[in-house]
């Protein structure tokens, strides 16, 4: 099993607010797990978060400068 992050650890890692993390969880926009069932504490797998950030970065449209290079 990989490393689990708490909300505070994830917030610090992504440099976002606690409110943003909880809203992203509620809207199912960020990969997470609930320990012990639907009312359990929320945690984040490091490898899931890394993949999520990587996918978001790859999906970002190229800047105008990059688009003119092709």
N, C-alpha and C. Protein backbone atom coordinates (compact mmCIF):
# COMPACT_ATOMS: atom_id res chain seq x y z
N UNK A 1 0.85 -1.19 0.00
CA UNK A 1 0.00 0.00 0.00
C UNK A 1 0.89 1.24 0.00
N UNK A 2 0.46 2.25 -0.73
CA UNK A 2 1.21 3.50 -0.81
C UNK A 2 0.94 4.40 0.38
N UNK A 3 1.61 5.53 0.37
CA UNK A 3 1.48 6.50 1.45
C UNK A 3 0.14 7.23 1.36
N UNK A 4 -0.48 7.44 2.51
CA UNK A 4 -1.73 8.19 2.60
C UNK A 4 -1.45 9.59 3.12
N UNK A 5 -2.13 10.57 2.56
CA UNK A 5 -2.03 11.96 3.02
C UNK A 5 -3.32 12.36 3.71
N UNK A 6 -3.20 13.17 4.74
CA UNK A 6 -4.37 13.77 5.38
C UNK A 6 -4.79 14.98 4.56
N UNK A 7 -5.92 15.55 4.91
CA UNK A 7 -6.38 16.77 4.25
C UNK A 7 -5.34 17.88 4.41
N UNK A 8 -4.80 18.02 5.61
CA UNK A 8 -3.82 19.08 5.86
C UNK A 8 -2.54 18.85 5.05
N UNK A 9 -2.09 17.61 4.97
CA UNK A 9 -0.89 17.31 4.19
C UNK A 9 -1.11 17.58 2.70
N UNK A 10 -2.29 17.21 2.20
CA UNK A 10 -2.61 17.47 0.80
C UNK A 10 -2.73 18.96 0.54
N UNK A 11 -3.39 19.66 1.44
CA UNK A 11 -3.57 21.11 1.30
C UNK A 11 -2.21 21.79 1.19
N UNK A 12 -1.30 21.39 2.04
CA UNK A 12 0.05 21.96 2.01
C UNK A 12 0.77 21.60 0.72
N UNK A 13 0.65 20.35 0.32
CA UNK A 13 1.33 19.87 -0.89
C UNK A 13 0.84 20.61 -2.14
N UNK A 14 -0.48 20.83 -2.24
CA UNK A 14 -1.06 21.50 -3.41
C UNK A 14 -1.11 23.02 -3.25
N UNK A 15 -0.86 23.50 -2.05
CA UNK A 15 -0.93 24.94 -1.74
C UNK A 15 -2.32 25.51 -2.04
N UNK A 16 -3.31 24.82 -1.49
CA UNK A 16 -4.71 25.26 -1.62
C UNK A 16 -5.31 25.32 -0.21
N UNK A 17 -6.51 25.85 -0.11
CA UNK A 17 -7.17 25.94 1.20
C UNK A 17 -7.83 24.61 1.58
N UNK A 18 -8.08 24.46 2.87
CA UNK A 18 -8.81 23.28 3.35
C UNK A 18 -10.19 23.24 2.72
N UNK A 19 -10.82 24.41 2.59
CA UNK A 19 -12.15 24.47 1.99
C UNK A 19 -12.12 23.94 0.56
N UNK A 20 -11.09 24.29 -0.20
CA UNK A 20 -10.97 23.80 -1.58
C UNK A 20 -10.88 22.28 -1.60
N UNK A 21 -10.07 21.72 -0.70
CA UNK A 21 -9.91 20.26 -0.65
C UNK A 21 -11.25 19.60 -0.35
N UNK A 22 -11.94 20.07 0.68
CA UNK A 22 -13.21 19.46 1.05
C UNK A 22 -14.26 19.60 -0.06
N UNK A 23 -14.27 20.74 -0.74
CA UNK A 23 -15.21 20.93 -1.84
C UNK A 23 -14.88 19.99 -2.99
N UNK A 24 -13.59 19.84 -3.32
CA UNK A 24 -13.18 18.93 -4.39
C UNK A 24 -13.55 17.49 -4.05
N UNK A 25 -13.44 17.12 -2.78
CA UNK A 25 -13.85 15.77 -2.35
C UNK A 25 -15.36 15.63 -2.50
N UNK A 26 -16.12 16.59 -2.01
CA UNK A 26 -17.58 16.53 -2.06
C UNK A 26 -18.09 16.43 -3.50
N UNK A 27 -17.38 17.10 -4.42
CA UNK A 27 -17.78 17.09 -5.82
C UNK A 27 -17.11 15.95 -6.60
N UNK A 28 -16.36 15.12 -5.89
CA UNK A 28 -15.67 13.97 -6.48
C UNK A 28 -14.72 14.37 -7.60
N UNK A 29 -14.06 15.53 -7.43
CA UNK A 29 -13.13 16.04 -8.45
C UNK A 29 -11.69 15.62 -8.20
N UNK A 30 -11.41 15.05 -7.04
CA UNK A 30 -10.05 14.68 -6.69
C UNK A 30 -10.08 13.24 -6.14
N UNK A 31 -9.11 12.41 -6.52
CA UNK A 31 -9.13 11.03 -6.03
C UNK A 31 -8.92 10.98 -4.52
N UNK A 32 -9.76 10.22 -3.85
CA UNK A 32 -9.68 10.11 -2.40
C UNK A 32 -10.27 8.79 -1.94
N UNK A 33 -10.01 8.46 -0.70
CA UNK A 33 -10.62 7.28 -0.07
C UNK A 33 -11.18 7.71 1.28
N UNK A 34 -12.22 7.02 1.69
CA UNK A 34 -12.79 7.24 3.03
C UNK A 34 -12.48 5.99 3.85
N UNK A 35 -11.86 6.19 4.98
CA UNK A 35 -11.51 5.07 5.85
C UNK A 35 -12.70 4.67 6.70
N UNK A 36 -13.06 3.41 6.66
CA UNK A 36 -14.13 2.91 7.51
C UNK A 36 -15.53 3.21 7.02
N UNK A 37 -15.71 3.64 5.78
CA UNK A 37 -17.04 3.87 5.25
C UNK A 37 -17.28 5.31 4.86
N UNK A 38 -18.50 5.61 4.42
CA UNK A 38 -18.81 6.93 3.86
C UNK A 38 -18.67 8.09 4.84
N UNK A 39 -18.71 7.84 6.13
CA UNK A 39 -18.56 8.91 7.12
C UNK A 39 -17.15 8.96 7.71
N UNK A 40 -16.26 8.10 7.21
CA UNK A 40 -14.91 8.02 7.76
C UNK A 40 -14.05 9.18 7.31
N UNK A 41 -12.87 9.28 7.91
CA UNK A 41 -11.96 10.35 7.52
C UNK A 41 -11.48 10.17 6.08
N UNK A 42 -11.30 11.28 5.41
CA UNK A 42 -10.85 11.25 4.01
C UNK A 42 -9.32 11.25 3.98
N UNK A 43 -8.78 10.43 3.07
CA UNK A 43 -7.34 10.36 2.86
C UNK A 43 -7.06 10.33 1.37
N UNK A 44 -5.81 10.59 1.01
CA UNK A 44 -5.40 10.70 -0.38
C UNK A 44 -4.15 9.85 -0.60
N UNK A 45 -4.18 8.99 -1.60
CA UNK A 45 -3.02 8.18 -1.96
C UNK A 45 -2.05 9.06 -2.75
N UNK A 46 -0.80 9.09 -2.35
CA UNK A 46 0.20 9.94 -3.00
C UNK A 46 0.26 9.64 -4.49
N UNK A 47 0.30 8.35 -4.87
CA UNK A 47 0.41 8.03 -6.29
C UNK A 47 -0.83 8.46 -7.08
N UNK A 48 -2.01 8.42 -6.47
CA UNK A 48 -3.23 8.89 -7.14
C UNK A 48 -3.18 10.39 -7.36
N UNK A 49 -2.72 11.13 -6.36
CA UNK A 49 -2.63 12.58 -6.48
C UNK A 49 -1.58 12.97 -7.52
N UNK A 50 -0.44 12.29 -7.50
CA UNK A 50 0.60 12.57 -8.49
C UNK A 50 0.09 12.33 -9.91
N UNK A 51 -0.64 11.25 -10.12
CA UNK A 51 -1.21 10.95 -11.44
C UNK A 51 -2.27 11.98 -11.81
N UNK A 52 -3.08 12.40 -10.86
CA UNK A 52 -4.12 13.40 -11.09
C UNK A 52 -3.51 14.73 -11.53
N UNK A 53 -2.44 15.15 -10.86
CA UNK A 53 -1.76 16.39 -11.22
C UNK A 53 -1.13 16.25 -12.61
N UNK A 54 -0.49 15.12 -12.87
CA UNK A 54 0.14 14.88 -14.17
C UNK A 54 -0.90 14.94 -15.29
N UNK A 55 -2.06 14.29 -15.09
CA UNK A 55 -3.13 14.31 -16.10
C UNK A 55 -3.65 15.73 -16.32
N UNK A 56 -3.80 16.49 -15.25
CA UNK A 56 -4.27 17.87 -15.38
C UNK A 56 -3.26 18.70 -16.16
N UNK A 57 -2.01 18.47 -15.90
CA UNK A 57 -0.95 19.21 -16.60
C UNK A 57 -0.92 18.86 -18.08
N UNK A 58 -1.08 17.58 -18.40
CA UNK A 58 -1.07 17.14 -19.80
C UNK A 58 -2.29 17.65 -20.56
N UNK A 59 -3.40 17.83 -19.86
CA UNK A 59 -4.63 18.29 -20.49
C UNK A 59 -4.64 19.80 -20.71
N UNK A 60 -3.72 20.52 -20.06
CA UNK A 60 -3.67 21.96 -20.18
C UNK A 60 -3.34 22.34 -21.61
N UNK A 61 -4.10 23.27 -22.22
CA UNK A 61 -3.81 23.64 -23.61
C UNK A 61 -2.43 24.30 -23.75
N UNK A 62 -1.82 24.07 -24.87
CA UNK A 62 -0.51 24.67 -25.12
C UNK A 62 -0.62 26.18 -25.15
N UNK A 63 0.43 26.84 -24.70
CA UNK A 63 0.44 28.29 -24.75
C UNK A 63 0.58 28.73 -26.21
N UNK A 64 0.22 29.96 -26.56
CA UNK A 64 0.37 30.44 -27.94
C UNK A 64 1.80 30.28 -28.46
N UNK A 65 2.79 30.47 -27.60
CA UNK A 65 4.19 30.32 -28.04
C UNK A 65 4.48 28.87 -28.41
N UNK A 66 3.94 27.92 -27.65
CA UNK A 66 4.16 26.51 -27.98
C UNK A 66 3.41 26.11 -29.23
N UNK A 67 2.23 26.67 -29.44
CA UNK A 67 1.42 26.32 -30.60
C UNK A 67 2.09 26.76 -31.90
N UNK A 68 2.83 27.85 -31.89
CA UNK A 68 3.47 28.34 -33.11
C UNK A 68 4.71 27.55 -33.47
N UNK A 69 5.23 26.73 -32.55
CA UNK A 69 6.42 25.93 -32.80
C UNK A 69 6.13 24.73 -33.69
N UNK A 70 4.88 24.31 -33.78
CA UNK A 70 4.55 23.11 -34.56
C UNK A 70 4.25 23.42 -36.00
